[in-house]
Amino acid sequence: MRYGGYKNPAYAIAEIIDNSFEADADKIEIFCKDKIEDSLANMVERMHEIIVTDNGTGMTKEDLWESLRFGEGTRRARRGIGRFGMGLPYSSLSQCRRVDVYSWQKPGEVLHTYLDLDEIQGKNMRDVPEPKRAKLPDILRDMSGAGSYKSGTVVVWSGLDRCSWKKSSTMIANSEKLIGRIYRRFLGSKKLDIRMISVNNSYEVSADRHLRPNDPLYQMKNSSAPPPWDREPMFQPDGEKPEEVIKVKDRDGKPQAVTLRFAFAKKEARKLSDTGDDAGRQPHGRHANFNLGVSIVREGREIGMDQNLVITYDPVERWWGAEIEFPPALDEFFGITNNKQDATTFTAMTKLYGVESHDNPAMESIIEDDKDMAHIVKRLQARIRQMRKVITIQRKGTRSSDPKRHGPDPTDKFRGRTEGGNRGTTDEQITTQDEQTRKEHIQKELDGLVATDDMNGFINDIIENKIRVVFQNASYNNPLFFDISLEGGVAIIKMNTSHSAYNNLMSIVENIPDDIEHDEAVKRLRDMWSGLRLLIASWARLEDEESNDEKRKMMGIIRTNWGEMIEHFLKR
């Protein structure tokens, strides 16, 4: 009963919001009340109650009585977002020890009942108490519009022993983006107004927010995205067909529409900040990282975000968005769970495609058994890969192409070699070419790799800061891991983003976010170690397969010379 599988308190509250919306409510208030616990010597406030109010149609005495009985919910219509009828008791007791429910269908005729775990465990409660007339909680008379509603419902959670967010400020901060994403369609269309309020035991307000929609495709205006992207779309629709519709038969054989939507970041959203920060480290980049994955939407309400098709260690993944939407008639097809947090059949298929185990006989069998779902996921994967290619090419003026970020360490090593009497081609170019000639040669090599608007500033930075090495991402249809151009006194190293070595080595540790989780950091390091071993092993195999003794001898000489250079560059 207390392990309802809710990922966090916001998902549990979403169950209450579902019920309110199904009762035709368009105004919902969520009060998070703090108080100082007597047991805390340092007098720290902790969240004591959560109160959810709505202006819906309210419940009759019988419906209110049934609403707190497990498995006896009153809203079971197949259409609608609150279908399963299990939300109120399960979601409530997954977070708290007591839930009180007040409901009325006429002004002043408020009915009340409750569930209390302490009474149940003490065997003093064997059934939900019969609803009786009562007054609304004091907090609502002064701070809420609930007292003036002609009809409505109030849910009060107290004894928050299983709520993982301990302070109201944390509750609101964490819920704002998540609840705003779950109900983005209704918030964006003004069908729903959700207000979150943080108060202390004296009813002093510390936070009061009307939630804005959080759109993972970043197409909505007046959203929760950081400025300026709260007022204009941060992403652009993908291609000529940003929306695809696939027909699938429901359990009655009737065709139903499954809609796929795609978008990726505008070039302006990927630019460095004035202080040189990557877009991913800026507020809008961190916001996009929260929305990583494929958004699963049922009847306008988000079920969750699936990340099985995401390269989770690659920070560039945040710059595309995908959404799959379907009607309630396809609940069984997608495998919607009772708590509306997962689409199990869909996620099982994305997991198969995500690990790319196409040589797995078990996978082939599963795909054969569910061809419709496999077709949907295959289309999603194909479109996501297409967006990745565009995003990779689009990376102009970002961290990977900023010489001030990637230049200093290699540049110092180049200078050290020059000062030690080891002159190279780029040293001669600096001596023999004037500044304008150098700029022209550098620009020729960077054409098509750096945005035209950024080119002059980019080259000026190279010249003014005496940068000797520039790393730039490119995409080649050949086996080169990287290409090198020696022009204008600069070694321009072009990393082939289509090469497996880039995807399994460079991208793992490129653009590491400031707020990286420990487990993710450990995984990246292990993947990097594995990739380095394979990189060295591939050279060993190259020598192993070379049958020409002279060529093999030359490989050994190159390996020795490179080893000496590596020693110089990596020596600290």
Protein backbone atom coordinates (compact mmCIF):
# COMPACT_ATOMS: atom_id res chain seq x y z
CA MET A 1 0.00 0.00 0.00
CA ARG A 2 2.81 2.43 0.86
CA TYR A 3 5.02 1.36 -2.02
CA GLY A 4 2.90 2.60 -4.89
CA GLY A 5 5.88 2.97 -7.18
CA TYR A 6 5.76 6.75 -7.40
CA LYS A 7 9.09 8.08 -8.61
CA ASN A 8 8.92 11.15 -6.38
CA PRO A 9 6.35 13.31 -4.52
CA ALA A 10 5.52 15.33 -7.64
CA TYR A 11 4.21 12.22 -9.41
CA ALA A 12 2.09 11.38 -6.36
CA ILE A 13 0.60 14.89 -6.39
CA ALA A 14 -0.06 14.47 -10.11
CA GLU A 15 -2.55 11.72 -9.22
CA ILE A 16 -4.52 14.23 -7.15
CA ILE A 17 -4.35 16.77 -9.99
CA ASP A 18 -5.66 14.12 -12.40
CA ASN A 19 -8.73 13.62 -10.22
CA SER A 20 -9.28 17.38 -10.01
CA PHE A 21 -9.04 17.81 -13.77
CA GLU A 22 -11.45 14.93 -14.34
CA ALA A 23 -13.88 16.72 -11.99
CA ASP A 24 -13.81 19.71 -14.38
CA ALA A 25 -11.57 21.81 -12.16
CA ASP A 26 -9.65 24.62 -13.85
CA LYS A 27 -8.06 26.03 -10.68
CA ILE A 28 -5.78 23.98 -8.45
CA GLU A 29 -3.81 25.23 -5.46
CA ILE A 30 -1.04 23.27 -3.75
CA PHE A 31 -0.06 24.55 -0.30
CA CYS A 32 3.20 23.26 1.18
CA LYS A 33 3.31 24.09 4.88
CA ASP A 34 6.53 24.11 6.92
CA LYS A 35 6.93 24.05 10.67
CA ILE A 36 9.82 23.64 13.11
CA GLU A 37 9.95 20.09 14.43
CA ASP A 38 10.43 19.80 18.19
CA SER A 39 12.98 17.02 17.71
CA LEU A 40 15.33 19.21 15.70
CA ALA A 41 17.87 20.93 17.92
CA ASN A 42 18.97 23.31 15.17
CA MET A 43 15.42 24.62 14.66
CA VAL A 44 15.27 23.76 10.96
CA GLU A 45 11.85 23.92 9.34
CA ARG A 46 10.47 20.79 7.70
CA MET A 47 7.42 20.33 5.51
CA HIS A 48 4.50 19.38 7.74
CA GLU A 49 1.47 19.33 5.42
CA ILE A 50 0.57 19.38 1.76
CA ILE A 51 -2.89 20.68 0.87
CA VAL A 52 -4.36 20.42 -2.63
CA THR A 53 -7.55 22.34 -3.46
CA ASP A 54 -9.67 22.49 -6.60
CA ASN A 55 -12.85 24.12 -7.89
CA GLY A 56 -14.19 20.97 -9.53
CA THR A 57 -17.67 19.51 -9.27
CA GLY A 58 -17.01 17.96 -5.87
CA MET A 59 -18.26 14.56 -4.70
CA THR A 60 -21.47 13.19 -3.30
CA LYS A 61 -21.34 11.55 0.10
CA GLU A 62 -21.20 8.11 -1.51
CA ASP A 63 -18.44 9.07 -3.94
CA LEU A 64 -16.39 10.66 -1.18
CA TRP A 65 -16.77 7.55 0.94
CA GLU A 66 -15.65 5.32 -1.94
CA SER A 67 -12.78 7.60 -3.00
CA LEU A 68 -10.52 6.48 -0.14
CA ARG A 69 -11.24 2.78 -0.49
CA PHE A 70 -8.44 0.99 -2.30
CA GLY A 71 -9.36 0.02 -5.83
CA GLU A 72 -12.76 1.71 -5.56
CA GLY A 73 -12.02 5.05 -7.23
CA THR A 74 -14.91 6.90 -8.80
CA ARG A 75 -13.29 7.95 -12.08
CA ARG A 76 -12.94 4.95 -14.36
CA ALA A 77 -13.97 6.20 -17.79
CA ARG A 78 -11.56 4.99 -20.46
CA ARG A 79 -11.30 8.48 -21.92
CA GLY A 80 -9.66 11.04 -19.68
CA ILE A 81 -6.44 11.37 -17.73
CA GLY A 82 -7.59 9.88 -14.40
CA ARG A 83 -8.97 6.60 -15.61
CA PHE A 84 -7.71 3.93 -13.24
CA GLY A 85 -9.46 5.03 -10.03
CA MET A 86 -6.62 4.12 -7.67
CA GLY A 87 -4.88 7.46 -7.35
CA LEU A 88 -6.20 9.08 -4.18
CA PRO A 89 -5.47 6.49 -1.46
CA TYR A 90 -2.37 4.99 -3.08
CA SER A 91 -0.67 8.26 -3.96
CA SER A 92 -1.54 9.82 -0.61
CA LEU A 93 -0.33 7.03 1.66
CA SER A 94 2.79 6.60 -0.44
CA GLN A 95 3.84 9.97 1.01
CA CYS A 96 2.05 10.50 4.33
CA ARG A 97 0.50 8.74 7.32
CA ARG A 98 -2.83 10.55 7.21
CA VAL A 99 -4.98 11.90 4.38
CA ASP A 100 -8.08 14.05 4.94
CA VAL A 101 -10.52 14.76 2.14
CA TYR A 102 -13.12 17.55 2.11
CA SER A 103 -15.63 17.88 -0.70
CA TRP A 104 -18.80 19.84 -1.42
CA GLN A 105 -21.27 20.30 -4.26
CA LYS A 106 -23.09 23.27 -2.74
CA PRO A 107 -21.63 26.25 -0.85
CA GLY A 108 -21.34 25.60 2.88
CA GLU A 109 -22.20 21.88 2.64
CA VAL A 110 -18.69 20.49 3.16
CA LEU A 111 -18.28 16.77 3.85
CA HIS A 112 -15.14 15.21 5.33
CA THR A 113 -13.56 11.79 5.76
CA TYR A 114 -10.04 10.47 6.19
CA LEU A 115 -7.57 7.58 6.36
CA ASP A 116 -5.06 7.35 9.22
CA LEU A 117 -2.33 4.70 9.20
CA ASP A 118 -1.77 4.96 12.94
CA GLU A 119 -5.43 4.16 13.55
CA ILE A 120 -5.33 1.33 11.02
CA GLN A 121 -2.23 -0.19 12.61
CA GLY A 122 -3.78 0.24 16.06
CA LYS A 123 -6.85 -1.61 14.73
CA ASN A 124 -9.04 1.36 15.57
CA MET A 125 -9.95 1.86 11.91
CA ARG A 126 -11.42 -1.00 9.89
CA ASP A 127 -13.13 1.04 7.20
CA VAL A 128 -13.16 4.54 5.80
CA PRO A 129 -15.21 6.67 8.24
CA GLU A 130 -18.60 7.80 7.03
CA PRO A 131 -18.31 11.35 5.65
CA LYS A 132 -19.66 14.03 7.97
CA ARG A 133 -20.21 17.79 7.79
CA ALA A 134 -17.06 19.77 8.62
CA LYS A 135 -15.27 23.09 8.18
CA LEU A 136 -12.38 23.60 5.80
CA PRO A 137 -8.85 23.91 7.29
CA ASP A 138 -8.02 27.36 8.68
CA ILE A 139 -5.30 28.03 6.11
CA LEU A 140 -7.84 27.97 3.29
CA ARG A 141 -10.10 30.64 4.73
CA ASP A 142 -7.37 33.28 4.58
CA MET A 143 -5.07 32.22 1.76
CA SER A 144 -7.13 30.29 -0.76
CA GLY A 145 -10.09 30.87 -2.99
CA ALA A 146 -11.43 27.43 -2.05
CA GLY A 147 -13.80 28.85 0.55
CA SER A 148 -15.65 30.80 -2.12
CA TYR A 149 -15.96 27.95 -4.62
CA LYS A 150 -19.52 26.77 -5.28
CA SER A 151 -18.12 23.24 -5.36
CA GLY A 152 -14.74 21.64 -4.95
CA THR A 153 -12.45 19.21 -3.17
CA VAL A 154 -9.57 19.59 -0.71
CA VAL A 155 -6.99 16.88 -0.01
CA VAL A 156 -4.71 17.24 3.03
CA TRP A 157 -1.59 15.14 3.54
CA SER A 158 -0.08 15.16 7.03
CA GLY A 159 2.59 13.07 8.73
CA LEU A 160 4.83 13.23 5.65
CA ASP A 161 7.10 10.39 6.71
CA ARG A 162 7.74 9.05 3.20
CA CYS A 163 8.00 12.34 1.33
CA SER A 164 11.59 12.52 0.06
CA TRP A 165 11.54 16.31 -0.28
CA LYS A 166 11.67 17.64 3.26
CA LYS A 167 11.15 21.38 2.80
CA SER A 168 8.42 23.26 0.99
CA SER A 169 11.00 25.24 -1.00
CA THR A 170 12.49 21.97 -2.27
CA MET A 171 9.05 20.62 -3.04
CA ILE A 172 8.11 23.63 -5.14
CA ALA A 173 11.48 23.91 -6.90
CA ASN A 174 11.47 20.22 -7.87
CA SER A 175 7.78 20.09 -8.74
CA GLU A 176 7.63 23.21 -10.86
CA LYS A 177 9.41 21.80 -13.91
CA LEU A 178 7.99 18.28 -13.54
CA ILE A 179 4.32 19.13 -12.93
CA GLY A 180 4.65 21.91 -15.51
CA ARG A 181 5.81 19.30 -18.02
CA ILE A 182 3.18 16.69 -17.16
CA TYR A 183 0.32 19.19 -17.64
CA ARG A 184 1.95 21.47 -20.23
CA ARG A 185 -0.88 21.14 -22.75
CA PHE A 186 -3.53 22.17 -20.24
CA LEU A 187 -1.42 24.96 -18.75
CA GLY A 188 -0.49 26.29 -22.18
CA SER A 189 -4.11 26.31 -23.39
CA LYS A 190 -5.31 27.95 -20.13
CA LYS A 191 -7.56 24.97 -19.39
CA LEU A 192 -5.78 24.60 -16.07
CA ASP A 193 -4.21 26.99 -13.57
CA ILE A 194 -1.93 25.38 -10.98
CA ARG A 195 -0.67 27.55 -8.14
CA MET A 196 1.98 26.40 -5.64
CA ILE A 197 2.37 28.22 -2.32
CA SER A 198 4.97 27.75 0.42
CA VAL A 199 3.97 28.90 3.92
CA ASN A 200 5.30 28.51 7.45
CA ASN A 201 3.37 27.64 10.58
CA SER A 202 2.35 31.29 10.95
CA TYR A 203 0.99 31.29 7.39
CA GLU A 204 3.72 33.62 6.14
CA VAL A 205 4.27 33.09 2.41
CA SER A 206 7.82 32.41 1.19
CA ALA A 207 6.93 31.36 -2.37
CA ASP A 208 3.83 31.77 -4.53
CA ARG A 209 3.96 30.62 -8.14
CA HIS A 210 1.53 29.93 -10.94
CA LEU A 211 3.11 27.07 -12.87
CA ARG A 212 4.05 27.64 -16.48
CA PRO A 213 4.20 24.90 -19.10
CA ASN A 214 7.51 23.07 -19.49
CA ASP A 215 7.62 21.92 -23.11
CA PRO A 216 10.46 19.45 -23.89
CA LEU A 217 10.10 20.36 -27.59
CA TYR A 218 10.46 24.04 -26.65
CA GLN A 219 7.73 25.20 -29.03
CA MET A 220 5.42 26.83 -26.46
CA LYS A 221 5.50 30.52 -25.62
CA ASN A 222 5.17 31.78 -22.03
CA SER A 223 6.92 28.63 -20.83
CA SER A 224 9.16 27.91 -17.85
CA ALA A 225 12.31 27.99 -20.01
CA PRO A 226 14.87 30.64 -18.95
CA PRO A 227 14.82 34.00 -20.80
CA PRO A 228 14.69 34.75 -23.65
CA TRP A 229 13.35 31.30 -24.47
CA ASP A 230 10.35 31.69 -22.15
CA ARG A 231 8.82 34.05 -24.73
CA GLU A 232 9.91 32.43 -27.98
CA PRO A 233 10.59 28.86 -29.15
CA MET A 234 14.10 27.62 -28.35
CA PHE A 235 13.79 24.65 -30.74
CA GLN A 236 12.73 24.52 -34.37
CA PRO A 237 10.54 21.81 -35.95
CA ASP A 238 12.59 19.04 -37.53
CA GLY A 239 12.50 18.98 -41.31
CA GLU A 240 9.56 19.24 -43.64
CA LYS A 241 7.66 16.66 -41.62
CA PRO A 242 8.07 17.51 -37.92
CA GLU A 243 4.98 15.42 -37.15
CA GLU A 244 4.28 11.85 -38.22
CA VAL A 245 1.07 9.89 -37.67
CA ILE A 246 1.10 6.10 -37.49
CA LYS A 247 -2.17 4.15 -37.35
CA VAL A 248 -2.45 1.29 -34.85
CA LYS A 249 -5.49 -0.87 -34.11
CA ASP A 250 -6.82 -0.91 -30.56
CA ARG A 251 -8.08 -4.05 -28.82
CA ASP A 252 -11.43 -3.68 -30.62
CA GLY A 253 -9.76 -3.51 -34.02
CA LYS A 254 -10.44 0.20 -34.48
CA PRO A 255 -7.58 2.28 -35.99
CA GLN A 256 -6.09 4.83 -33.59
CA ALA A 257 -3.57 7.58 -34.28
CA VAL A 258 -0.10 7.55 -32.71
CA THR A 259 1.56 10.92 -33.29
CA LEU A 260 5.33 11.48 -33.30
CA ARG A 261 6.73 15.02 -33.03
CA PHE A 262 10.32 16.21 -33.40
CA ALA A 263 12.29 19.41 -32.86
CA PHE A 264 15.89 20.47 -32.30
CA ALA A 265 17.66 23.56 -30.99
CA LYS A 266 17.93 26.75 -32.99
CA LYS A 267 21.47 27.83 -33.82
CA GLU A 268 21.08 30.87 -31.54
CA ALA A 269 20.40 28.60 -28.56
CA ARG A 270 23.76 26.87 -29.02
CA LYS A 271 25.94 29.99 -28.87
CA LEU A 272 28.53 30.69 -26.21
CA SER A 273 27.62 33.21 -23.55
CA ASP A 274 29.39 36.57 -23.27
CA THR A 275 31.67 34.98 -20.67
CA GLY A 276 32.52 32.04 -22.94
CA ASP A 277 30.29 29.43 -21.31
CA ASP A 278 28.97 26.58 -23.44
CA ALA A 279 25.25 26.64 -24.10
CA GLY A 280 24.93 23.46 -22.04
CA ARG A 281 26.28 25.25 -18.96
CA GLN A 282 23.90 28.18 -19.35
CA PRO A 283 20.47 28.21 -17.64
CA HIS A 284 18.59 27.22 -20.78
CA GLY A 285 21.04 24.36 -21.39
CA ARG A 286 20.53 23.00 -17.88
CA HIS A 287 16.77 23.33 -18.39
CA ALA A 288 17.00 21.31 -21.61
CA ASN A 289 19.02 18.63 -19.82
CA PHE A 290 16.12 18.15 -17.38
CA ASN A 291 13.90 17.32 -20.38
CA LEU A 292 16.24 14.71 -21.87
CA GLY A 293 14.48 11.88 -23.69
CA VAL A 294 11.29 10.97 -25.54
CA SER A 295 8.18 12.43 -23.91
CA ILE A 296 5.34 9.89 -23.65
CA VAL A 297 1.98 11.69 -23.79
CA ARG A 298 -1.44 10.14 -23.19
CA GLU A 299 -4.53 12.28 -23.88
CA GLY A 300 -2.49 15.49 -23.49
CA ARG A 301 -0.98 14.40 -20.16
CA GLU A 302 2.64 13.27 -19.98
CA ILE A 303 3.25 9.78 -18.63
CA GLY A 304 7.01 10.09 -18.43
CA MET A 305 10.30 10.56 -20.27
CA ASP A 306 11.90 7.53 -21.91
CA GLN A 307 15.71 7.71 -22.16
CA ASN A 308 16.43 4.33 -23.73
CA LEU A 309 17.12 5.94 -27.12
CA VAL A 310 19.35 8.62 -25.56
CA ILE A 311 23.15 8.60 -25.43
CA THR A 312 23.00 9.67 -21.80
CA TYR A 313 26.68 10.55 -21.43
CA ASP A 314 26.62 12.92 -24.42
CA PRO A 315 25.61 16.46 -23.38
CA VAL A 316 24.63 17.27 -26.97
CA GLU A 317 21.59 14.98 -26.60
CA ARG A 318 19.74 17.73 -24.73
CA TRP A 319 19.45 19.71 -27.96
CA TRP A 320 16.83 17.49 -29.60
CA GLY A 321 13.29 16.75 -28.49
CA ALA A 322 10.86 13.98 -29.39
CA GLU A 323 7.30 13.29 -28.32
CA ILE A 324 4.94 10.37 -28.83
CA GLU A 325 1.24 10.89 -28.17
CA PHE A 326 -1.64 8.40 -28.19
CA PRO A 327 -5.27 8.14 -27.00
CA PRO A 328 -6.46 6.12 -23.96
CA ALA A 329 -7.83 3.50 -26.35
CA LEU A 330 -4.21 2.34 -26.76
CA ASP A 331 -3.46 1.97 -23.04
CA GLU A 332 -3.07 -1.79 -23.33
CA PHE A 333 -0.98 -1.49 -26.50
CA PHE A 334 1.50 0.85 -24.77
CA GLY A 335 1.32 -0.91 -21.40
CA ILE A 336 0.18 2.02 -19.25
CA THR A 337 0.61 1.29 -15.53
CA ASN A 338 -2.04 2.00 -12.89
CA ASN A 339 -0.05 4.91 -11.45
CA LYS A 340 0.34 6.40 -14.94
CA GLN A 341 4.12 6.70 -14.69
CA ASP A 342 5.20 4.26 -17.36
CA ALA A 343 4.31 2.74 -20.71
CA THR A 344 5.87 -0.67 -20.11
CA THR A 345 5.44 -2.21 -23.56
CA PHE A 346 6.78 0.88 -25.28
CA THR A 347 9.78 1.23 -22.96
CA ALA A 348 10.61 -2.47 -23.29
CA MET A 349 10.86 -2.00 -27.06
CA THR A 350 12.91 1.21 -26.83
CA LYS A 351 15.28 -0.61 -24.50
CA LEU A 352 15.81 -3.30 -27.11
CA TYR A 353 16.49 -0.75 -29.83
CA GLY A 354 18.49 1.46 -27.50
CA VAL A 355 21.14 -1.18 -26.84
CA GLU A 356 21.25 -1.93 -30.58
CA SER A 357 21.46 -5.69 -30.03
CA HIS A 358 20.15 -6.55 -33.49
CA ASP A 359 22.07 -9.80 -33.50
CA ASN A 360 20.19 -11.00 -30.44
CA PRO A 361 17.77 -13.82 -31.41
CA ALA A 362 15.52 -12.94 -28.46
CA MET A 363 15.18 -9.41 -29.79
CA GLU A 364 14.18 -10.67 -33.23
CA SER A 365 11.50 -12.83 -31.63
CA ILE A 366 10.07 -9.95 -29.60
CA ILE A 367 10.00 -7.65 -32.63
CA GLU A 368 8.24 -10.34 -34.66
CA ASP A 369 5.58 -10.65 -31.95
CA ASP A 370 4.96 -6.88 -31.79
CA LYS A 371 5.60 -5.48 -35.25
CA ASP A 372 3.47 -2.36 -34.73
CA MET A 373 5.40 -1.25 -31.67
CA ALA A 374 8.71 -2.12 -33.33
CA HIS A 375 7.74 0.02 -36.33
CA ILE A 376 6.94 3.00 -34.08
CA VAL A 377 10.20 2.75 -32.15
CA LYS A 378 12.19 2.25 -35.34
CA ARG A 379 10.73 5.47 -36.76
CA LEU A 380 11.55 7.31 -33.54
CA GLN A 381 15.11 6.05 -33.61
CA ALA A 382 15.60 6.97 -37.27
CA ARG A 383 14.35 10.52 -36.75
CA ILE A 384 16.46 10.98 -33.61
CA ARG A 385 19.57 9.85 -35.49
CA GLN A 386 18.72 12.31 -38.24
CA MET A 387 18.48 15.15 -35.71
CA ARG A 388 21.80 14.11 -34.15
CA LYS A 389 23.55 14.59 -37.48
CA VAL A 390 22.08 18.07 -37.89
CA ILE A 391 23.03 19.00 -34.33
CA THR A 392 26.59 17.76 -34.81
CA ILE A 393 27.02 19.89 -37.93
CA GLN A 394 25.30 22.76 -36.15
CA ARG A 395 27.92 22.93 -33.37
CA LYS A 396 29.35 26.26 -34.47
CA GLY A 397 30.81 28.63 -31.93
CA THR A 398 30.23 26.13 -29.13
CA ARG A 399 32.81 24.81 -26.73
CA SER A 400 34.31 22.37 -29.20
CA SER A 401 35.12 25.20 -31.62
CA ASP A 402 36.32 27.76 -29.08
CA PRO A 403 40.13 28.03 -29.22
CA LYS A 404 40.30 29.70 -25.81
CA ARG A 405 38.89 26.55 -24.28
CA HIS A 406 40.75 23.88 -26.21
CA GLY A 407 43.86 25.82 -27.17
CA PRO A 408 45.95 26.67 -24.08
CA ASP A 409 47.38 23.28 -23.08
CA PRO A 410 48.29 22.01 -26.59
CA THR A 411 49.50 25.50 -27.55
CA ASP A 412 51.90 25.58 -24.60
CA LYS A 413 53.30 22.21 -25.67
CA PHE A 414 53.79 23.43 -29.26
CA ARG A 415 55.63 26.49 -27.97
CA GLY A 416 57.77 24.30 -25.73
CA ARG A 417 58.86 22.22 -28.70
CA THR A 418 59.70 25.37 -30.68
CA GLU A 419 61.70 26.86 -27.82
CA GLY A 420 63.59 23.57 -27.54
CA GLY A 421 64.80 23.93 -31.13
CA ASN A 422 62.24 21.60 -32.77
CA ARG A 423 60.71 23.67 -35.57
CA GLY A 424 57.71 22.55 -37.60
CA THR A 425 55.73 23.69 -40.62
CA THR A 426 53.48 25.98 -38.55
CA ASP A 427 56.55 27.67 -37.05
CA GLU A 428 57.78 28.51 -40.55
CA GLN A 429 54.34 29.84 -41.53
CA ILE A 430 54.29 32.24 -38.59
CA THR A 431 57.70 33.53 -39.64
CA THR A 432 57.05 33.84 -43.39
CA GLN A 433 53.34 34.81 -43.63
CA ASP A 434 51.82 38.17 -42.76
CA GLU A 435 48.72 38.35 -40.56
CA GLN A 436 46.22 38.75 -43.41
CA THR A 437 47.67 35.76 -45.28
CA ARG A 438 47.48 33.65 -42.14
CA LYS A 439 43.83 34.62 -41.64
CA GLU A 440 42.96 33.72 -45.23
CA HIS A 441 44.60 30.29 -44.97
CA ILE A 442 42.89 29.55 -41.64
CA GLN A 443 39.49 30.65 -42.96
CA LYS A 444 39.85 28.41 -46.00
CA GLU A 445 40.28 25.39 -43.72
CA LEU A 446 37.39 26.36 -41.45
CA ASP A 447 34.84 27.19 -44.16
CA GLY A 448 31.76 25.07 -43.59
CA LEU A 449 32.86 24.14 -40.08
CA VAL A 450 32.36 27.48 -38.33
CA ALA A 451 29.28 29.65 -38.81
CA THR A 452 29.83 32.62 -41.13
CA ASP A 453 28.66 35.06 -38.46
CA ASP A 454 31.24 33.69 -36.01
CA MET A 455 34.17 33.29 -38.41
CA ASN A 456 35.88 36.69 -38.09
CA GLY A 457 35.74 36.72 -34.31
CA PHE A 458 36.91 33.12 -34.18
CA ILE A 459 39.98 33.76 -36.36
CA ASN A 460 40.80 37.02 -34.56
CA ASP A 461 40.84 35.10 -31.27
CA ILE A 462 43.33 32.64 -32.76
CA ILE A 463 45.67 35.38 -33.95
CA GLU A 464 45.37 37.68 -30.93
CA ASN A 465 45.80 34.87 -28.39
CA LYS A 466 48.60 33.24 -30.45
CA ILE A 467 46.73 29.94 -30.49
CA ARG A 468 48.73 27.17 -32.15
CA VAL A 469 46.21 24.30 -32.00
CA VAL A 470 42.48 24.35 -32.79
CA PHE A 471 40.13 21.37 -32.41
CA GLN A 472 37.07 21.41 -34.64
CA ASN A 473 34.34 18.83 -35.11
CA ALA A 474 33.58 17.62 -38.63
CA SER A 475 31.83 14.65 -40.20
CA TYR A 476 33.53 12.47 -42.81
CA ASN A 477 32.39 9.36 -44.63
CA ASN A 478 35.82 7.74 -44.33
CA PRO A 479 37.77 5.78 -41.68
CA LEU A 480 39.81 8.81 -40.52
CA PHE A 481 39.51 9.32 -36.74
CA PHE A 482 40.86 12.83 -37.22
CA ASP A 483 42.35 14.95 -39.99
CA ILE A 484 45.08 17.59 -39.68
CA SER A 485 45.63 20.79 -41.64
CA LEU A 486 48.73 22.92 -41.04
CA GLU A 487 47.72 26.38 -42.20
CA GLY A 488 48.38 29.96 -41.10
CA GLY A 489 50.66 28.91 -38.29
CA VAL A 490 47.96 26.74 -36.72
CA ALA A 491 47.47 22.98 -36.46
CA ILE A 492 43.77 22.56 -37.23
CA ILE A 493 42.68 19.16 -35.93
CA LYS A 494 39.33 18.04 -37.32
CA MET A 495 37.68 15.32 -35.23
CA ASN A 496 35.50 12.99 -37.28
CA THR A 497 32.25 12.85 -35.29
CA SER A 498 31.07 9.93 -37.43
CA HIS A 499 33.95 7.74 -36.24
CA SER A 500 33.43 5.21 -33.47
CA ALA A 501 36.53 6.48 -31.68
CA TYR A 502 34.93 9.90 -31.33
CA ASN A 503 31.65 8.49 -30.06
CA ASN A 504 33.31 6.06 -27.65
CA LEU A 505 36.18 8.26 -26.45
CA MET A 506 35.96 12.00 -27.12
CA SER A 507 32.23 12.56 -26.66
CA ILE A 508 32.21 10.69 -23.33
CA VAL A 509 34.24 13.41 -21.61
CA GLU A 510 33.43 16.38 -23.83
CA ASN A 511 31.27 19.12 -22.30
CA ILE A 512 30.92 17.50 -18.88
CA PRO A 513 28.11 19.32 -17.03
CA ASP A 514 28.92 21.07 -13.76
CA ASP A 515 26.16 19.17 -11.97
CA ILE A 516 27.14 15.69 -13.18
CA GLU A 517 25.96 12.89 -10.91
CA HIS A 518 28.60 10.66 -9.26
CA ASP A 519 27.32 7.46 -10.91
CA GLU A 520 27.35 9.08 -14.34
CA ALA A 521 30.90 10.37 -13.81
CA VAL A 522 32.10 6.90 -12.78
CA LYS A 523 30.41 5.34 -15.82
CA ARG A 524 32.07 7.83 -18.15
CA LEU A 525 35.51 7.13 -16.68
CA ARG A 526 35.03 3.38 -17.03
CA ASP A 527 33.82 3.76 -20.62
CA MET A 528 36.80 6.01 -21.35
CA TRP A 529 39.24 3.45 -19.89
CA SER A 530 37.67 0.68 -21.94
CA GLY A 531 37.83 2.81 -25.08
CA LEU A 532 41.51 3.68 -24.56
CA ARG A 533 42.42 0.01 -24.18
CA LEU A 534 40.58 -0.81 -27.41
CA LEU A 535 42.26 2.12 -29.17
CA ILE A 536 45.73 0.80 -28.29
CA ALA A 537 44.68 -2.78 -29.07
CA SER A 538 43.54 -1.68 -32.53
CA TRP A 539 47.07 -0.39 -33.27
CA ALA A 540 48.52 -3.68 -32.07
CA ARG A 541 46.20 -5.56 -34.40
CA LEU A 542 47.14 -3.23 -37.27
CA GLU A 543 50.81 -4.22 -36.85
CA ASP A 544 49.79 -7.85 -36.35
CA GLU A 545 47.98 -7.99 -39.70
CA GLU A 546 50.73 -6.21 -41.65
CA SER A 547 52.60 -8.89 -43.65
CA ASN A 548 55.13 -6.53 -45.24
CA ASP A 549 58.22 -6.45 -42.99
CA GLU A 550 59.30 -2.98 -44.15
CA LYS A 551 55.88 -1.50 -43.46
CA ARG A 552 55.74 -3.20 -40.08
CA LYS A 553 59.19 -1.79 -39.26
CA MET A 554 58.00 1.68 -40.28
CA MET A 555 54.97 1.29 -38.02
CA GLY A 556 57.31 0.53 -35.15
CA ILE A 557 59.35 3.67 -35.88
CA ILE A 558 56.17 5.79 -36.02
CA ARG A 559 54.99 4.23 -32.77
CA THR A 560 58.31 5.06 -31.10
CA ASN A 561 58.35 8.64 -32.40
CA TRP A 562 54.76 9.23 -31.37
CA GLY A 563 55.49 7.73 -27.96
CA GLU A 564 58.29 10.27 -27.47
CA MET A 565 55.97 13.11 -28.49
CA ILE A 566 53.21 11.83 -26.19
CA GLU A 567 55.73 11.77 -23.34
CA HIS A 568 56.48 15.46 -23.97
CA PHE A 569 52.85 16.52 -24.30
CA LEU A 570 51.49 14.59 -21.31
CA LYS A 571 54.40 15.19 -18.95
CA ARG A 572 53.30 17.47 -16.10
